[in-house]
N, C-alpha and C. Protein backbone atom coordinates (compact mmCIF):
# COMPACT_ATOMS: atom_id res chain seq x y z
N MET A 1 0.94 -1.03 -0.21
CA MET A 1 -0.44 0.40 -0.06
C MET A 1 1.03 1.00 0.04
N SER A 2 0.76 2.54 -0.79
CA SER A 2 1.33 3.76 -0.82
C SER A 2 0.88 4.31 -0.26
N ASN A 3 2.02 5.03 0.58
CA ASN A 3 1.70 6.22 1.31
C ASN A 3 0.75 7.48 1.75
N ARG A 4 0.61 7.47 -0.05
CA ARG A 4 -0.36 7.78 0.32
C ARG A 4 -1.93 7.72 0.65
N ALA A 5 -1.52 6.20 0.46
CA ALA A 5 -3.03 5.53 1.02
C ALA A 5 -3.22 5.24 2.60
N ILE A 6 -2.12 5.77 3.20
CA ILE A 6 -2.41 5.68 4.53
C ILE A 6 -2.51 6.78 4.93
N PRO A 7 -3.84 6.51 6.21
CA PRO A 7 -3.51 7.81 6.64
C PRO A 7 -3.10 7.96 7.45
N PHE A 8 -3.00 8.85 7.87
CA PHE A 8 -1.63 10.60 8.93
C PHE A 8 -2.67 10.70 9.76
N ASN A 9 -1.91 10.68 11.68
CA ASN A 9 -2.60 11.78 12.14
C ASN A 9 -1.22 12.59 13.63
N PHE A 10 -2.06 13.32 13.97
CA PHE A 10 -0.63 13.48 15.29
C PHE A 10 -0.86 12.81 16.16
N VAL A 11 0.09 12.22 17.26
CA VAL A 11 0.29 11.52 18.27
C VAL A 11 -0.56 11.75 19.62
N LYS A 12 -1.58 11.57 19.69
CA LYS A 12 -2.25 11.29 20.63
C LYS A 12 -3.17 10.18 21.41
N ASN A 13 -2.67 10.57 23.29
CA ASN A 13 -3.14 9.94 24.30
C ASN A 13 -5.30 10.22 24.64
N VAL A 14 -5.46 8.61 24.66
CA VAL A 14 -7.14 8.64 24.58
C VAL A 14 -7.79 9.26 25.90
N MET A 15 -8.09 10.57 25.64
CA MET A 15 -8.89 10.71 27.29
C MET A 15 -7.95 11.22 28.31
N GLN A 16 -6.49 11.57 27.56
CA GLN A 16 -5.30 11.16 28.66
C GLN A 16 -5.84 10.41 29.77
N ASN A 17 -6.10 9.21 29.45
CA ASN A 17 -5.27 8.29 30.73
C ASN A 17 -4.00 8.13 30.71
N GLY A 18 -3.86 7.40 31.96
CA GLY A 18 -3.02 7.83 32.05
C GLY A 18 -2.86 9.15 34.15
N VAL A 19 -3.85 10.45 33.53
CA VAL A 19 -3.34 11.43 34.51
C VAL A 19 -3.66 11.50 35.46
N GLY A 20 -5.23 10.76 35.79
CA GLY A 20 -5.45 10.56 37.09
C GLY A 20 -5.50 8.50 37.40
N ARG A 21 -5.74 8.00 36.77
CA ARG A 21 -4.92 6.23 37.23
C ARG A 21 -5.08 5.79 35.56
N TYR A 22 -4.38 5.12 35.36
CA TYR A 22 -4.43 3.94 34.19
C TYR A 22 -6.00 3.09 34.13
N MET A 23 -6.49 3.26 32.28
CA MET A 23 -7.49 2.53 32.10
C MET A 23 -7.23 1.76 31.38
N CYS A 24 -7.68 0.42 31.34
CA CYS A 24 -7.13 -0.30 30.38
C CYS A 24 -8.65 -0.56 28.96
N GLN A 25 -8.31 0.15 27.51
CA GLN A 25 -8.39 0.33 27.24
C GLN A 25 -9.41 -0.37 26.43
N LEU A 26 -9.53 -2.06 26.58
CA LEU A 26 -9.97 -3.09 25.97
C LEU A 26 -10.99 -3.40 26.52
N GLN A 27 -12.08 -3.42 26.15
CA GLN A 27 -13.49 -3.70 27.07
C GLN A 27 -13.76 -4.74 27.69
N ARG A 28 -14.08 -5.97 26.19
CA ARG A 28 -14.44 -7.29 25.48
C ARG A 28 -13.80 -7.03 24.82
N VAL A 29 -13.62 -8.54 24.71
CA VAL A 29 -12.83 -10.08 24.07
C VAL A 29 -13.85 -11.03 23.11
N THR A 30 -14.01 -11.22 22.64
CA THR A 30 -14.96 -12.57 22.07
C THR A 30 -13.84 -13.31 21.57
N LEU A 31 -14.38 -14.91 21.71
CA LEU A 31 -13.15 -15.70 21.34
C LEU A 31 -14.19 -16.64 20.26
N THR A 32 -14.47 -16.63 19.53
CA THR A 32 -15.52 -17.54 18.94
C THR A 32 -14.36 -18.20 17.72
N PHE A 33 -15.14 -20.32 18.24
CA PHE A 33 -14.15 -21.46 17.88
C PHE A 33 -14.79 -22.62 17.05
N CYS A 34 -14.38 -23.76 16.45
CA CYS A 34 -15.08 -24.38 16.23
C CYS A 34 -14.66 -25.89 17.02
N LYS A 35 -15.49 -26.56 17.72
CA LYS A 35 -15.56 -28.01 18.83
C LYS A 35 -14.51 -28.56 18.11
N SER A 36 -15.08 -29.56 16.74
CA SER A 36 -14.22 -30.33 15.85
C SER A 36 -12.37 -29.68 14.94
N SER A 37 -12.89 -28.87 14.01
CA SER A 37 -11.98 -27.97 13.30
C SER A 37 -11.13 -28.15 13.84
N GLY A 38 -10.01 -28.35 12.93
CA GLY A 38 -8.69 -28.54 13.08
C GLY A 38 -7.77 -26.68 13.27
N ALA A 39 -8.18 -26.52 12.25
CA ALA A 39 -8.01 -25.09 12.35
C ALA A 39 -8.37 -24.42 13.67
N SER A 40 -9.06 -24.96 14.65
CA SER A 40 -9.11 -24.04 16.35
C SER A 40 -8.58 -24.83 17.23
N ARG A 41 -7.58 -25.80 17.11
CA ARG A 41 -7.11 -26.10 17.94
C ARG A 41 -5.93 -25.77 18.64
N GLY A 42 -5.62 -24.05 18.29
CA GLY A 42 -4.40 -23.96 19.15
C GLY A 42 -6.09 -22.73 19.99
N MET A 43 -6.48 -22.12 19.59
CA MET A 43 -8.20 -21.82 20.17
C MET A 43 -8.31 -22.16 21.11
N ARG A 44 -8.86 -23.68 21.01
CA ARG A 44 -8.62 -24.47 22.65
C ARG A 44 -8.21 -24.93 23.27
N ASP A 45 -5.97 -25.55 22.91
CA ASP A 45 -5.44 -24.88 23.50
C ASP A 45 -5.86 -23.69 24.72
N PHE A 46 -5.57 -22.74 23.92
CA PHE A 46 -5.57 -21.48 24.26
C PHE A 46 -6.73 -21.30 25.81
N ILE A 47 -7.80 -21.67 25.18
CA ILE A 47 -8.91 -21.58 26.23
C ILE A 47 -9.03 -22.34 27.53
N GLU A 48 -8.70 -23.50 27.31
CA GLU A 48 -7.78 -24.91 28.49
C GLU A 48 -7.14 -24.28 29.38
N GLN A 49 -5.57 -24.15 28.80
CA GLN A 49 -4.50 -23.45 29.47
C GLN A 49 -4.31 -21.93 29.82
N HIS A 50 -4.56 -20.92 28.85
CA HIS A 50 -4.22 -19.37 29.28
C HIS A 50 -5.12 -18.68 30.00
N MET A 51 -5.70 -19.06 29.31
CA MET A 51 -7.75 -18.34 29.23
C MET A 51 -7.88 -17.71 30.88
N LEU A 52 -7.58 -19.14 31.68
CA LEU A 52 -8.12 -18.36 33.22
C LEU A 52 -7.26 -17.00 34.08
N ASP A 53 -5.46 -17.38 33.49
CA ASP A 53 -5.01 -16.31 33.73
C ASP A 53 -4.96 -14.69 33.14
N PHE A 54 -4.86 -15.26 31.78
CA PHE A 54 -5.39 -14.03 31.28
C PHE A 54 -6.42 -12.81 31.70
N THR A 55 -7.73 -13.78 32.00
CA THR A 55 -8.54 -13.13 32.88
C THR A 55 -8.85 -12.80 35.08
N LYS A 56 -7.60 -13.55 35.61
CA LYS A 56 -7.01 -12.67 36.97
C LYS A 56 -6.58 -12.28 36.19
N SER A 57 -5.68 -12.00 35.53
CA SER A 57 -4.76 -10.84 35.25
C SER A 57 -5.03 -9.76 35.13
N ASN A 58 -6.71 -9.73 34.17
CA ASN A 58 -6.77 -8.43 33.72
C ASN A 58 -8.68 -8.42 34.10
N PRO A 59 -8.57 -8.03 35.21
CA PRO A 59 -10.21 -8.13 35.99
C PRO A 59 -11.50 -7.09 35.12
N GLY A 60 -10.59 -5.84 34.22
CA GLY A 60 -11.56 -5.16 33.78
C GLY A 60 -11.42 -5.64 33.09
N VAL A 61 -11.66 -6.44 31.98
CA VAL A 61 -11.33 -6.77 30.76
C VAL A 61 -12.55 -8.22 30.49
N VAL A 62 -14.05 -8.14 29.56
CA VAL A 62 -14.78 -9.58 29.92
C VAL A 62 -14.59 -10.13 28.74
N VAL A 63 -14.71 -11.58 29.31
CA VAL A 63 -13.96 -12.96 28.28
C VAL A 63 -15.20 -13.43 27.88
N TYR A 64 -15.78 -13.01 26.52
CA TYR A 64 -16.96 -14.48 26.20
C TYR A 64 -16.79 -14.77 25.40
N VAL A 65 -16.63 -16.81 25.47
CA VAL A 65 -16.32 -17.80 24.33
C VAL A 65 -17.67 -18.04 23.37
N LYS A 66 -17.34 -18.33 22.74
CA LYS A 66 -18.48 -18.33 21.76
C LYS A 66 -17.87 -19.51 20.09
N PRO A 67 -18.28 -20.68 20.86
CA PRO A 67 -18.61 -22.34 19.61
C PRO A 67 -19.05 -22.02 18.68
N ARG A 68 -19.09 -22.17 17.83
CA ARG A 68 -19.85 -22.06 16.25
C ARG A 68 -19.27 -23.31 15.37
N ARG A 69 -19.62 -24.05 15.25
CA ARG A 69 -19.41 -24.53 14.11
C ARG A 69 -19.14 -24.30 12.44
N HIS A 70 -18.00 -25.22 11.79
CA HIS A 70 -17.64 -24.76 10.58
C HIS A 70 -16.67 -23.67 10.75
N ARG A 71 -16.95 -23.08 11.61
CA ARG A 71 -16.27 -21.45 11.20
C ARG A 71 -14.86 -20.85 11.90
N ALA A 72 -13.84 -20.69 11.35
CA ALA A 72 -12.95 -20.05 11.04
C ALA A 72 -12.60 -19.18 12.71
N PRO A 73 -11.21 -19.95 13.70
CA PRO A 73 -11.37 -18.90 14.53
C PRO A 73 -10.93 -17.32 14.76
N ALA A 74 -11.54 -16.65 15.50
CA ALA A 74 -11.02 -15.71 15.93
C ALA A 74 -11.21 -14.79 16.92
N LEU A 75 -10.46 -13.90 17.11
CA LEU A 75 -11.12 -12.42 18.18
C LEU A 75 -11.40 -11.56 17.70
N VAL A 76 -12.27 -11.49 18.75
CA VAL A 76 -13.04 -9.58 18.62
C VAL A 76 -12.73 -8.93 19.81
N ALA A 77 -11.86 -7.68 19.48
CA ALA A 77 -11.79 -6.90 20.50
C ALA A 77 -12.27 -6.00 20.60
N GLU A 78 -13.44 -5.37 21.90
CA GLU A 78 -14.29 -4.42 21.35
C GLU A 78 -13.27 -3.09 22.00
N TYR A 79 -13.03 -2.31 22.10
CA TYR A 79 -12.85 -1.15 22.90
C TYR A 79 -13.26 -0.32 23.75
N LEU A 80 -13.34 0.93 24.43
CA LEU A 80 -14.17 1.38 25.00
C LEU A 80 -14.42 2.60 24.42
N ASN A 81 -13.80 3.21 23.26
CA ASN A 81 -14.17 4.32 22.10
C ASN A 81 -14.84 3.39 20.92
N GLY A 82 -15.35 2.22 21.90
CA GLY A 82 -16.66 1.82 20.11
C GLY A 82 -15.71 1.37 19.44
N ARG A 83 -14.63 1.70 18.93
CA ARG A 83 -14.28 0.51 17.91
C ARG A 83 -13.96 -1.07 18.03
N ARG A 84 -14.58 -1.91 17.00
CA ARG A 84 -14.05 -2.96 16.82
C ARG A 84 -12.85 -3.72 16.48
N GLU A 85 -12.30 -4.51 16.95
CA GLU A 85 -11.06 -4.83 16.36
C GLU A 85 -11.56 -7.02 15.79
N VAL A 86 -11.67 -6.99 14.64
CA VAL A 86 -11.69 -8.72 14.31
C VAL A 86 -9.88 -8.94 14.11
N PHE A 87 -9.29 -10.74 14.58
CA PHE A 87 -8.78 -11.31 13.97
C PHE A 87 -8.68 -11.83 14.63
N SER A 88 -7.72 -12.71 12.89
CA SER A 88 -8.44 -14.08 12.48
C SER A 88 -7.02 -15.03 13.12
N THR A 89 -7.30 -16.26 13.95
CA THR A 89 -6.48 -16.70 14.33
C THR A 89 -6.79 -18.47 14.16
N ASN A 90 -6.66 -18.20 12.28
CA ASN A 90 -6.42 -19.18 11.72
C ASN A 90 -5.59 -20.18 11.86
N LYS A 91 -5.46 -21.26 12.91
CA LYS A 91 -4.15 -22.24 12.16
C LYS A 91 -3.10 -21.71 12.91
N MET A 92 -3.60 -20.89 14.93
CA MET A 92 -2.31 -20.62 15.19
C MET A 92 -2.58 -21.83 16.18
N GLU A 93 -0.92 -21.11 17.00
CA GLU A 93 -1.13 -22.11 18.49
C GLU A 93 -1.02 -21.58 19.43
N ALA A 94 -1.46 -22.30 20.41
CA ALA A 94 -1.87 -20.85 21.27
C ALA A 94 -0.79 -20.25 22.29
N ASP A 95 0.66 -20.80 22.33
CA ASP A 95 1.21 -19.48 22.60
C ASP A 95 1.44 -17.98 21.98
N GLU A 96 1.34 -18.37 20.71
CA GLU A 96 0.93 -17.13 19.53
C GLU A 96 -0.64 -16.39 19.68
N ILE A 97 -1.69 -17.02 20.40
CA ILE A 97 -2.96 -16.77 20.48
C ILE A 97 -2.31 -15.70 21.86
N CYS A 98 -1.86 -16.19 22.87
CA CYS A 98 -1.41 -15.15 23.63
C CYS A 98 -0.40 -13.90 23.94
N LYS A 99 0.28 -14.43 22.69
CA LYS A 99 0.61 -12.50 21.85
C LYS A 99 -0.19 -11.43 21.56
N TRP A 100 -0.63 -12.18 21.25
CA TRP A 100 -1.50 -11.41 20.33
C TRP A 100 -2.93 -11.05 21.25
N MET A 101 -3.14 -11.72 21.97
CA MET A 101 -4.14 -10.58 23.32
C MET A 101 -3.59 -10.33 23.98
N GLU A 102 -2.16 -10.19 24.07
CA GLU A 102 -1.65 -9.32 25.21
C GLU A 102 -1.45 -8.26 24.49
N HIS A 103 -0.96 -7.44 22.43
CA HIS A 103 -1.03 -6.76 21.63
C HIS A 103 -2.11 -6.21 22.37
N LEU A 104 -3.52 -6.65 21.84
CA LEU A 104 -5.05 -6.20 21.46
C LEU A 104 -5.06 -5.63 22.83
N ARG A 105 -4.38 -5.35 23.82
CA ARG A 105 -4.96 -5.79 25.30
C ARG A 105 -3.80 -4.50 25.71
N THR A 106 -2.42 -3.63 24.86
CA THR A 106 -1.88 -3.12 25.66
C THR A 106 -2.25 -2.04 24.18
N ARG A 107 -3.37 -1.87 23.22
CA ARG A 107 -3.78 -1.28 22.14
C ARG A 107 -4.51 0.47 22.64
N SER A 108 -5.18 0.63 21.81
CA SER A 108 -5.55 2.49 22.37
C SER A 108 -6.22 1.88 21.78
N GLY A 109 -7.20 1.39 21.05
CA GLY A 109 -8.72 1.35 20.56
C GLY A 109 -8.34 2.28 19.07
N GLU A 110 -7.47 2.62 19.49
CA GLU A 110 -7.57 4.24 17.91
C GLU A 110 -6.66 3.13 16.55
N GLU A 111 -7.28 3.37 15.64
CA GLU A 111 -6.72 3.24 14.82
C GLU A 111 -4.99 2.98 14.37
N ILE A 112 -4.52 2.68 13.97
CA ILE A 112 -2.79 2.87 13.52
C ILE A 112 -2.90 3.58 12.51
N VAL A 113 -2.09 4.78 12.42
CA VAL A 113 -2.21 5.66 11.28
C VAL A 113 -0.52 5.88 11.28
N ARG A 114 0.10 5.88 10.02
CA ARG A 114 1.29 7.45 9.55
C ARG A 114 0.58 8.65 11.13
N LEU A 115 1.98 8.40 11.39
CA LEU A 115 2.69 9.95 12.27
C LEU A 115 2.82 11.21 11.71
N ALA A 116 1.99 12.64 11.75
CA ALA A 116 1.85 13.20 10.50
C ALA A 116 3.86 13.96 11.53
N LYS A 117 4.15 14.32 12.72
CA LYS A 117 4.38 15.05 13.56
C LYS A 117 5.03 13.19 14.56
N PRO A 118 6.22 13.61 15.41
CA PRO A 118 6.12 13.00 16.67
C PRO A 118 6.05 13.73 17.58
N TRP A 119 5.41 15.32 17.52
CA TRP A 119 5.00 15.32 18.68
C TRP A 119 3.24 16.29 18.75
N HIS A 120 3.17 16.94 19.44
CA HIS A 120 1.92 17.74 19.40
C HIS A 120 1.17 18.34 20.48
N THR A 121 1.44 19.50 20.55
CA THR A 121 -0.33 20.21 21.37
C THR A 121 -1.01 21.41 21.26
N GLU A 122 -1.38 20.89 22.40
CA GLU A 122 -3.44 21.51 22.06
C GLU A 122 -3.21 22.56 21.93
N THR A 123 -2.73 23.34 22.78
CA THR A 123 -2.16 24.65 22.68
C THR A 123 -0.98 25.03 22.77
N PRO A 124 -0.97 26.07 21.62
CA PRO A 124 0.46 26.20 20.96
C PRO A 124 1.08 27.03 21.22
N SER A 125 2.00 27.61 21.54
CA SER A 125 2.87 28.84 22.14
C SER A 125 3.06 29.82 21.26
N ILE A 126 3.03 31.21 21.63
CA ILE A 126 2.98 31.78 20.59
C ILE A 126 4.44 32.56 20.35
N GLN A 127 5.57 32.35 21.54
CA GLN A 127 6.34 32.80 22.08
C GLN A 127 7.71 31.57 21.53
N GLY A 128 7.16 30.17 20.41
CA GLY A 128 7.95 28.89 20.21
C GLY A 128 8.76 28.23 20.87
N ILE A 129 9.64 27.62 19.69
CA ILE A 129 9.36 26.22 21.05
C ILE A 129 11.39 27.09 22.43
N TRP A 130 11.43 26.06 23.36
CA TRP A 130 12.68 26.38 23.74
C TRP A 130 13.46 25.53 23.26
N HIS A 131 14.70 26.84 23.50
CA HIS A 131 15.95 26.15 23.01
C HIS A 131 16.60 27.09 24.57
N PRO A 132 17.91 26.64 24.12
CA PRO A 132 18.86 26.80 25.64
C PRO A 132 18.99 27.55 26.01
N PHE A 133 19.27 29.24 24.76
CA PHE A 133 19.06 30.06 24.87
C PHE A 133 17.70 31.12 25.44
N LEU A 134 16.85 29.99 25.39
CA LEU A 134 15.56 31.32 26.22
C LEU A 134 15.43 32.38 26.89
N ASN A 135 16.02 31.66 28.24
CA ASN A 135 16.22 33.16 29.74
C ASN A 135 16.79 32.78 29.88
N LYS A 136 18.52 33.28 28.65
CA LYS A 136 19.62 33.72 29.50
C LYS A 136 19.09 35.48 29.21
N ASP A 137 20.72 35.87 29.23
CA ASP A 137 21.10 37.30 29.30
C ASP A 137 20.93 37.45 27.90
N PRO A 138 20.15 38.49 26.80
CA PRO A 138 20.69 39.01 25.73
C PRO A 138 22.41 39.56 25.69
N SER A 139 22.92 39.66 25.90
CA SER A 139 24.68 39.76 26.27
C SER A 139 24.97 38.25 25.71
N LEU A 140 24.73 37.42 26.25
CA LEU A 140 25.19 36.05 24.79
C LEU A 140 25.17 35.90 23.96
N ALA A 141 24.81 37.26 22.94
CA ALA A 141 24.06 36.61 21.41
C ALA A 141 25.75 37.09 20.89
N PRO A 142 25.77 37.81 21.31
CA PRO A 142 27.52 38.09 20.53
C PRO A 142 28.78 36.88 20.92
N THR A 143 28.97 36.63 22.22
CA THR A 143 29.76 35.92 22.77
C THR A 143 30.83 35.08 21.44
N SER A 144 31.77 34.84 21.34
CA SER A 144 32.70 33.46 20.95
C SER A 144 32.20 31.87 21.39
N PHE A 145 32.50 31.06 20.88
CA PHE A 145 32.09 29.78 21.05
C PHE A 145 33.42 28.83 21.17
N PRO A 146 33.81 27.97 21.82
CA PRO A 146 33.32 27.66 22.61
C PRO A 146 34.29 28.85 24.16
N ALA A 147 33.47 29.21 25.39
CA ALA A 147 33.60 30.36 25.78
C ALA A 147 33.47 29.10 27.55
N PRO A 148 34.67 29.36 27.76
CA PRO A 148 35.23 28.13 29.04
C PRO A 148 34.38 28.83 30.65
N ASP A 149 33.49 30.30 30.79
CA ASP A 149 33.22 30.73 31.96
C ASP A 149 31.71 30.10 31.36
N LEU A 150 31.33 29.74 30.34
CA LEU A 150 30.20 29.70 29.92
C LEU A 150 29.20 27.81 30.52
N TYR A 151 30.50 26.82 30.16
CA TYR A 151 30.29 25.53 29.88
C TYR A 151 30.17 24.94 31.73
N ARG A 152 30.35 25.74 32.61
CA ARG A 152 31.01 25.55 33.57
C ARG A 152 29.62 25.22 34.57
N ALA A 153 29.24 24.98 35.47
CA ALA A 153 28.16 24.95 36.08
C ALA A 153 28.45 26.04 37.00
N LYS A 154 27.27 27.23 37.24
CA LYS A 154 27.77 28.38 38.65
C LYS A 154 26.54 27.70 39.06
N LYS A 155 27.68 27.61 40.69
CA LYS A 155 27.73 27.56 41.66
C LYS A 155 27.08 28.47 42.80
N GLU A 156 25.98 28.19 43.24
CA GLU A 156 25.27 29.63 43.38
C GLU A 156 25.19 29.18 45.34
N SER A 157 25.65 28.42 46.11
CA SER A 157 25.87 28.02 47.55
C SER A 157 26.14 26.47 47.60
N LYS A 158 26.31 26.25 48.04
CA LYS A 158 27.13 24.73 49.13
C LYS A 158 25.62 23.64 48.37
N SER A 159 26.31 22.56 47.99
CA SER A 159 25.16 21.38 48.11
C SER A 159 25.02 20.44 49.36
N ALA A 160 23.80 19.95 49.32
CA ALA A 160 23.33 19.12 50.65
C ALA A 160 25.18 18.35 50.32
N THR A 161 25.71 17.74 49.87
CA THR A 161 27.81 17.00 50.67
C THR A 161 27.93 17.39 51.53
N GLU A 162 27.87 18.50 51.01
CA GLU A 162 28.91 19.47 51.43
C GLU A 162 28.98 19.75 53.45
N ILE A 163 28.08 20.50 52.83
CA ILE A 163 27.34 20.79 54.32
C ILE A 163 27.48 19.31 55.25
N LEU A 164 26.42 18.58 55.06
CA LEU A 164 26.91 17.13 55.10
C LEU A 164 28.40 17.38 56.55
N VAL A 165 29.96 16.90 55.09
CA VAL A 165 31.27 16.92 55.36
C VAL A 165 31.21 17.63 56.03
N GLU A 166 31.00 19.71 55.63
CA GLU A 166 31.43 20.49 57.77
C GLU A 166 30.60 19.97 58.56
N ASP A 167 29.91 19.76 58.54
CA ASP A 167 29.24 19.77 60.27
C ASP A 167 29.72 18.58 60.28
N THR A 168 30.34 16.76 59.30
CA THR A 168 30.84 16.27 60.58
C THR A 168 31.83 16.26 61.01
N LYS A 169 32.65 17.38 60.12
CA LYS A 169 34.67 17.96 61.01
C LYS A 169 34.28 18.81 62.01
N GLU A 170 32.41 19.62 61.95
CA GLU A 170 33.10 20.62 63.29
C GLU A 170 33.31 19.24 63.83
N SER A 171 32.06 18.12 64.42
CA SER A 171 31.37 17.71 64.64
C SER A 171 32.46 16.79 65.71
N LYS A 172 33.71 16.21 64.59
CA LYS A 172 34.27 15.58 64.82
C LYS A 172 35.44 16.48 65.99
N SER A 173 35.85 17.22 65.38
CA SER A 173 36.66 18.70 66.12
C SER A 173 36.24 19.04 67.79
N ALA A 174 35.03 18.87 68.27
CA ALA A 174 34.36 19.86 68.72
C ALA A 174 34.51 18.06 69.67
N THR A 175 34.11 16.82 68.65
CA THR A 175 34.10 15.61 70.30
C THR A 175 35.81 15.33 70.25
N GLU A 176 36.82 15.23 69.75
CA GLU A 176 38.66 15.26 69.71
C GLU A 176 38.47 16.46 71.32
N ILE A 177 38.27 17.96 70.98
CA ILE A 177 38.65 18.45 71.66
C ILE A 177 37.80 18.20 73.45
N LEU A 178 36.61 17.76 73.54
CA LEU A 178 36.42 16.93 74.48
C LEU A 178 37.39 16.02 75.28
N VAL A 179 36.81 15.11 74.17
CA VAL A 179 38.03 13.81 74.54
C VAL A 179 39.61 14.58 75.48
N GLU A 180 40.73 15.75 74.56
CA GLU A 180 41.66 15.76 74.80
C GLU A 180 41.00 16.48 76.53
N ASP A 181 40.21 17.38 77.26
CA ASP A 181 40.54 18.09 78.31
C ASP A 181 40.10 16.88 79.18
N THR A 182 39.12 15.98 78.77
CA THR A 182 39.09 14.58 79.72
C THR A 182 40.78 13.53 80.05
N LEU A 183 40.91 13.77 79.53
CA LEU A 183 42.66 13.06 79.14
C LEU A 183 43.37 14.19 80.17
N ALA A 184 42.74 15.23 79.79
CA ALA A 184 44.06 16.28 80.35
C ALA A 184 43.99 16.64 82.39
N ARG A 185 42.25 16.49 82.54
CA ARG A 185 41.41 16.03 83.77
C ARG A 185 41.95 15.45 84.14
N LYS A 186 41.79 13.44 83.89
CA LYS A 186 42.35 12.16 84.59
C LYS A 186 43.94 12.81 84.78
N VAL A 187 44.69 13.04 84.32
CA VAL A 187 46.06 13.36 84.34
C VAL A 187 46.64 13.99 84.87
N ALA A 188 45.54 15.04 85.10
CA ALA A 188 45.63 16.48 86.41
C ALA A 188 45.06 15.47 87.64
N ASP A 189 44.02 14.51 88.05
CA ASP A 189 43.92 14.15 88.98
C ASP A 189 44.86 13.17 89.28
N VAL A 190 45.08 12.15 88.01
CA VAL A 190 46.19 11.37 88.80
C VAL A 190 47.92 11.48 89.06
N ASP A 191 48.03 13.23 88.59
CA ASP A 191 49.42 13.62 89.73
C ASP A 191 48.69 14.30 90.28
N SER A 192 47.92 14.90 90.99
CA SER A 192 47.10 14.84 91.84
C SER A 192 47.57 13.65 92.87
N ILE A 193 46.95 12.76 93.40
CA ILE A 193 46.91 11.58 93.60
C ILE A 193 48.42 10.52 93.66
N SER A 194 48.89 11.04 92.82
CA SER A 194 50.31 10.29 93.38
C SER A 194 51.30 11.38 93.66
N SER A 195 51.22 13.14 94.55
CA SER A 195 51.70 13.55 94.48
C SER A 195 51.39 13.94 96.12
N LYS A 196 50.07 13.33 96.63
CA LYS A 196 50.11 14.10 97.55
C LYS A 196 50.23 12.12 98.84
N GLU A 197 50.59 11.15 97.76
CA GLU A 197 51.13 10.17 97.85
C GLU A 197 52.30 10.11 98.84
């Protein structure tokens, strides 16, 4: 299919999903299969081995099982935005069906399209896009680069680590002074006791 035939759109999130809390957009999955057909063997194995694990890990997704005689197996996914997606699982293994179920679960329900741009904003700014010199001093404009004083980080105040190191040095020096004073007193006490004897 040519690029012109594929529709394009901007990046978007379904109803700002994830701002308050995440909601799985997959609402309901219908598994259709035949009880006797060989093409439905993978779907039957998936229902027997993996379906309970899927329903336990995704309690917000309703799973319907529809046996249909002599029909090809299929997954029908219905999303919160009303979109339905039908996916044929003819002659697929159970593990492959597990991967497709996970793919359908993580989809937003929106149609897959080409992206017009890798970004999009609902409220475009009149001041233009951000750049490194947006809020800088205008005198930087005629500066020739590389300028050694500009690429170094400005040190406004002491960091928390430097403050802690200084505090520990001060506390060590204070404790050393106390220890020296107590030792000097003990030595003086011992000297006074020995001089009395």
